[in-house]
Protein backbone atom coordinates (compact mmCIF):
# COMPACT_ATOMS: atom_id res chain seq x y z
CA UNK A 1 -26.94 -40.13 46.20
CA UNK A 2 -29.74 -38.34 47.93
CA UNK A 3 -30.76 -39.79 51.35
CA UNK A 4 -34.37 -40.40 51.93
CA UNK A 5 -34.40 -38.09 55.00
CA UNK A 6 -32.43 -35.36 53.28
CA UNK A 7 -35.59 -33.16 52.96
CA UNK A 8 -35.48 -32.71 56.75
CA UNK A 9 -31.76 -31.84 56.87
CA UNK A 10 -30.34 -28.38 56.10
CA UNK A 11 -26.67 -27.55 56.09
CA UNK A 12 -25.43 -24.08 57.26
CA UNK A 13 -22.13 -22.79 56.04
CA UNK A 14 -20.49 -19.40 56.09
CA UNK A 15 -18.51 -17.39 53.54
CA UNK A 16 -15.75 -17.49 56.16
CA UNK A 17 -15.10 -17.37 59.86
CA UNK A 18 -16.78 -14.87 62.09
CA UNK A 19 -19.78 -14.02 59.92
CA UNK A 20 -22.41 -15.08 62.59
CA UNK A 21 -22.97 -18.64 61.42
CA UNK A 22 -23.81 -19.99 64.92
CA UNK A 23 -26.40 -17.28 65.58
CA UNK A 24 -28.00 -17.82 62.21
CA UNK A 25 -28.22 -21.57 62.90
CA UNK A 26 -29.79 -20.78 66.29
CA UNK A 27 -32.28 -18.40 64.60
CA UNK A 28 -33.28 -21.02 62.04
CA UNK A 29 -33.74 -23.49 64.88
CA UNK A 30 -35.89 -21.00 66.81
CA UNK A 31 -38.12 -20.40 63.78
CA UNK A 32 -38.54 -24.17 63.38
CA UNK A 33 -39.54 -24.71 67.01
CA UNK A 34 -41.90 -21.73 66.97
CA UNK A 35 -43.56 -23.36 63.94
CA UNK A 36 -44.13 -26.66 65.77
CA UNK A 37 -41.24 -28.62 64.28
CA UNK A 38 -39.03 -30.92 66.36
CA UNK A 39 -35.63 -29.48 65.50
CA UNK A 40 -32.02 -30.46 66.19
CA UNK A 41 -28.64 -28.95 65.50
CA UNK A 42 -25.54 -30.90 64.74
CA UNK A 43 -22.04 -29.47 65.10
CA UNK A 44 -19.76 -32.11 63.67
CA UNK A 45 -16.45 -30.51 64.63
CA UNK A 46 -15.82 -27.75 67.13
CA UNK A 47 -12.46 -26.08 67.16
CA UNK A 48 -10.89 -23.44 69.38
CA UNK A 49 -12.45 -24.46 72.68
CA UNK A 50 -11.26 -26.58 75.59
CA UNK A 51 -13.03 -29.55 77.12
CA UNK A 52 -14.96 -27.50 79.66
CA UNK A 53 -15.53 -24.40 77.64
CA UNK A 54 -18.92 -23.68 75.87
CA UNK A 55 -18.89 -24.38 72.18
CA UNK A 56 -21.28 -23.45 69.40
CA UNK A 57 -23.69 -26.23 70.29
CA UNK A 58 -23.92 -24.81 73.89
CA UNK A 59 -24.52 -21.29 72.64
CA UNK A 60 -27.36 -22.51 70.48
CA UNK A 61 -28.88 -24.47 73.39
CA UNK A 62 -28.81 -21.36 75.54
CA UNK A 63 -30.47 -19.25 72.93
CA UNK A 64 -33.09 -21.81 71.90
CA UNK A 65 -34.42 -23.74 74.91
CA UNK A 66 -35.90 -27.12 73.89
CA UNK A 67 -33.57 -27.52 70.97
CA UNK A 68 -31.64 -30.84 70.64
CA UNK A 69 -27.93 -30.24 70.07
CA UNK A 70 -25.15 -32.69 69.35
CA UNK A 71 -21.48 -32.18 68.99
CA UNK A 72 -19.30 -35.05 67.56
CA UNK A 73 -15.79 -33.83 68.43
CA UNK A 74 -13.85 -30.78 69.67
CA UNK A 75 -10.26 -29.68 69.32
CA UNK A 76 -8.48 -27.07 71.30
CA UNK A 77 -6.67 -25.10 68.53
CA UNK A 78 -8.69 -22.42 66.59
CA UNK A 79 -7.87 -24.00 63.20
CA UNK A 80 -9.50 -25.90 60.44
CA UNK A 81 -10.86 -29.26 61.79
CA UNK A 82 -8.43 -31.42 59.98
CA UNK A 83 -5.49 -29.38 61.22
CA UNK A 84 -6.80 -29.09 64.67
CA UNK A 85 -7.42 -32.82 64.92
CA UNK A 86 -3.93 -33.60 63.62
CA UNK A 87 -2.26 -31.23 66.13
CA UNK A 88 -4.33 -32.72 69.02
CA UNK A 89 -3.47 -36.21 68.05
CA UNK A 90 -7.18 -37.01 67.71
CA UNK A 91 -9.18 -38.74 65.11
CA UNK A 92 -10.93 -36.30 62.72
CA UNK A 93 -14.65 -36.17 62.04
CA UNK A 94 -15.14 -37.41 58.46
CA UNK A 95 -18.00 -36.32 56.22
CA UNK A 96 -19.36 -39.86 56.49
CA UNK A 97 -19.39 -39.45 60.29
CA UNK A 98 -21.26 -36.11 60.02
CA UNK A 99 -23.80 -37.49 57.53
CA UNK A 100 -24.50 -40.51 59.61
CA UNK A 101 -25.09 -38.44 62.72
CA UNK A 102 -27.39 -36.15 60.79
CA UNK A 103 -29.42 -39.12 59.55
CA UNK A 104 -29.69 -40.49 63.03
CA UNK A 105 -31.04 -37.15 64.36
CA UNK A 106 -33.51 -36.94 61.39
CA UNK A 107 -35.13 -40.21 62.52
CA UNK A 108 -36.52 -38.46 65.57
CA UNK A 109 -36.74 -34.76 64.44
CA UNK A 110 -38.62 -32.84 61.68
CA UNK A 111 -35.58 -30.68 60.97
CA UNK A 112 -31.84 -31.19 61.49
CA UNK A 113 -29.53 -28.17 60.99
CA UNK A 114 -25.87 -29.18 60.41
CA UNK A 115 -23.49 -26.21 61.23
CA UNK A 116 -20.17 -26.34 59.57
CA UNK A 117 -16.78 -24.88 60.70
CA UNK A 118 -15.67 -21.80 58.87
CA UNK A 119 -16.39 -21.92 55.07
CA UNK A 120 -17.76 -24.55 52.74
CA UNK A 121 -14.39 -25.93 51.69
CA UNK A 122 -12.64 -26.00 55.02
CA UNK A 123 -11.26 -29.59 55.43
CA UNK A 124 -12.74 -31.96 57.98
CA UNK A 125 -9.95 -34.57 57.46
CA UNK A 126 -6.70 -35.16 55.63
CA UNK A 127 -8.43 -36.94 52.85
CA UNK A 128 -9.97 -33.57 51.79
CA UNK A 129 -13.47 -34.11 53.02
CA UNK A 130 -15.47 -30.90 53.47
CA UNK A 131 -19.00 -29.68 54.48
CA UNK A 132 -19.84 -29.78 50.78
CA UNK A 133 -19.25 -33.57 50.92
CA UNK A 134 -21.62 -33.77 53.84
CA UNK A 135 -24.36 -31.87 52.01
CA UNK A 136 -23.84 -34.02 48.92
CA UNK A 137 -24.03 -37.23 50.84
CA UNK A 138 -27.34 -36.14 52.38
CA UNK A 139 -28.74 -34.47 49.36
CA UNK A 140 -29.35 -31.50 51.66
CA UNK A 141 -29.88 -27.81 50.74
CA UNK A 142 -27.34 -25.28 52.07
CA UNK A 143 -27.91 -21.99 53.68
CA UNK A 144 -25.02 -19.56 53.28
CA UNK A 145 -24.26 -17.04 56.03
CA UNK A 146 -22.56 -13.87 54.73
CA UNK A 147 -21.00 -10.72 56.08
CA UNK A 148 -22.85 -7.38 55.50
CA UNK A 149 -20.13 -5.09 54.15
CA UNK A 150 -17.61 -4.51 51.45
CA UNK A 151 -16.30 -7.77 49.87
CA UNK A 152 -19.31 -9.90 50.68
CA UNK A 153 -20.56 -9.96 47.07
CA UNK A 154 -17.36 -11.71 45.94
CA UNK A 155 -17.19 -14.09 48.92
CA UNK A 156 -20.87 -15.04 48.81
CA UNK A 157 -20.85 -15.37 45.03
CA UNK A 158 -17.87 -17.75 45.20
CA UNK A 159 -19.47 -19.84 47.77
CA UNK A 160 -22.75 -20.14 45.91
CA UNK A 161 -20.86 -20.90 42.71
CA UNK A 162 -18.95 -23.68 44.46
CA UNK A 163 -22.21 -25.20 45.67
CA UNK A 164 -23.71 -25.13 42.22
CA UNK A 165 -20.46 -26.56 40.64
CA UNK A 166 -20.91 -29.62 43.01
CA UNK A 167 -24.59 -30.03 42.12
CA UNK A 168 -25.77 -28.77 45.48
CA UNK A 169 -28.80 -26.53 46.14
CA UNK A 170 -28.29 -23.20 47.89
CA UNK A 171 -31.49 -22.41 49.86
CA UNK A 172 -30.55 -18.77 50.29
CA UNK A 173 -28.30 -16.33 52.04
CA UNK A 174 -28.60 -14.85 55.47
CA UNK A 175 -26.55 -11.80 56.58
CA UNK A 176 -25.31 -12.88 60.02
CA UNK A 177 -24.50 -9.53 61.64
CA UNK A 178 -26.31 -6.47 60.27
CA UNK A 179 -24.70 -3.43 61.86
CA UNK A 180 -26.64 -0.79 63.86
CA UNK A 181 -25.38 1.85 61.47
CA UNK A 182 -24.92 0.21 58.09
CA UNK A 183 -22.57 1.95 55.63
CA UNK A 184 -23.26 2.47 51.95
CA UNK A 185 -21.75 -0.87 50.90
CA UNK A 186 -23.91 -2.79 53.40
CA UNK A 187 -27.08 -1.03 52.30
CA UNK A 188 -26.45 -1.68 48.60
CA UNK A 189 -25.54 -5.34 49.34
CA UNK A 190 -29.13 -6.08 50.42
CA UNK A 191 -30.20 -5.65 46.76
CA UNK A 192 -27.04 -6.72 45.20
CA UNK A 193 -26.64 -10.10 46.99
CA UNK A 194 -29.57 -11.78 45.27
CA UNK A 195 -28.65 -10.24 41.94
CA UNK A 196 -25.00 -11.47 42.26
CA UNK A 197 -25.72 -15.05 43.64
CA UNK A 198 -29.02 -15.81 41.94
CA UNK A 199 -30.40 -17.14 45.26
CA UNK A 200 -32.78 -15.38 47.72
CA UNK A 201 -31.70 -13.25 50.62
CA UNK A 202 -33.57 -14.78 53.53
CA UNK A 203 -32.92 -12.04 55.97
CA UNK A 204 -30.33 -10.06 57.96
CA UNK A 205 -30.02 -10.61 61.65
CA UNK A 206 -28.91 -7.67 63.73
CA UNK A 207 -25.40 -7.55 65.19
CA UNK A 208 -25.27 -8.56 68.91
CA UNK A 209 -28.32 -10.76 68.72
CA UNK A 210 -26.41 -13.56 70.34
CA UNK A 211 -26.49 -11.68 73.62
CA UNK A 212 -30.32 -11.54 73.69
CA UNK A 213 -32.53 -13.45 76.04
CA UNK A 214 -34.12 -16.65 74.58
CA UNK A 215 -37.52 -14.90 74.27
CA UNK A 216 -36.10 -11.84 72.72
CA UNK A 217 -33.93 -13.90 70.43
CA UNK A 218 -36.86 -16.03 69.25
CA UNK A 219 -38.88 -12.93 68.58
CA UNK A 220 -36.25 -11.31 66.42
CA UNK A 221 -35.51 -14.61 64.61
CA UNK A 222 -39.11 -14.96 63.65
CA UNK A 223 -39.56 -11.38 62.66
CA UNK A 224 -36.38 -11.51 60.53
CA UNK A 225 -36.66 -14.90 58.92
CA UNK A 226 -40.38 -15.48 59.19
CA UNK A 227 -42.25 -18.57 57.88
CA UNK A 228 -40.68 -18.51 54.42
CA UNK A 229 -37.95 -21.08 55.13
CA UNK A 230 -40.17 -22.83 57.69
CA UNK A 231 -42.90 -23.59 55.10
CA UNK A 232 -40.33 -25.07 52.71
CA UNK A 233 -38.90 -27.38 55.37
CA UNK A 234 -42.22 -28.44 56.67
CA UNK A 235 -43.22 -29.57 53.13
CA UNK A 236 -39.86 -31.28 52.68
CA UNK A 237 -40.13 -33.14 55.98
CA UNK A 238 -43.67 -34.32 55.54
């Protein structure tokens, strides 16, 4: 069932690991802040980092000063959250936990971005809960972060198809790391991704953007993603 605050919550997933999901989440947050929205980012489960190491939420906070970030749990092994939690002897973060935290943040923010771990169907817990379940609980649209090169049409198409099969809305695709010198496959994918998936390509962020200064990061985020998603989320959150 759709939550009443779901119009202010957007879920961000990837077609896999290492496609630039955290930088895209930060870019979406930067666009929101630049447009005058109170924005927050929720990272339900962080894996592969120790207690004193910076996680994805810390990276986003550094790139987007003024953003609210919240991390629910972290596990040291670089594995799926369910497996990492089990190996660490810690309780997993369930989809219900993540949805409740997102709703709580939405009470005080115009936009909440929920960044998953890995791909859409990576398990949060041993009961089989996934990021798709979080999105379904919230009635939230999902942004898919994709790679630029060969193979991305299949991976992205499968992810969007999985969303649609679950009755979820895909708000669009963002290429997370556009190379400085794109090859033929990458160049063709810019046109082929919308045709293959049936959803819009919202933009392609340049590789290495995560090393930019906050000012530079915000400028590139706005130039790349612009006000198109911002306008949709303002309307949804009003």
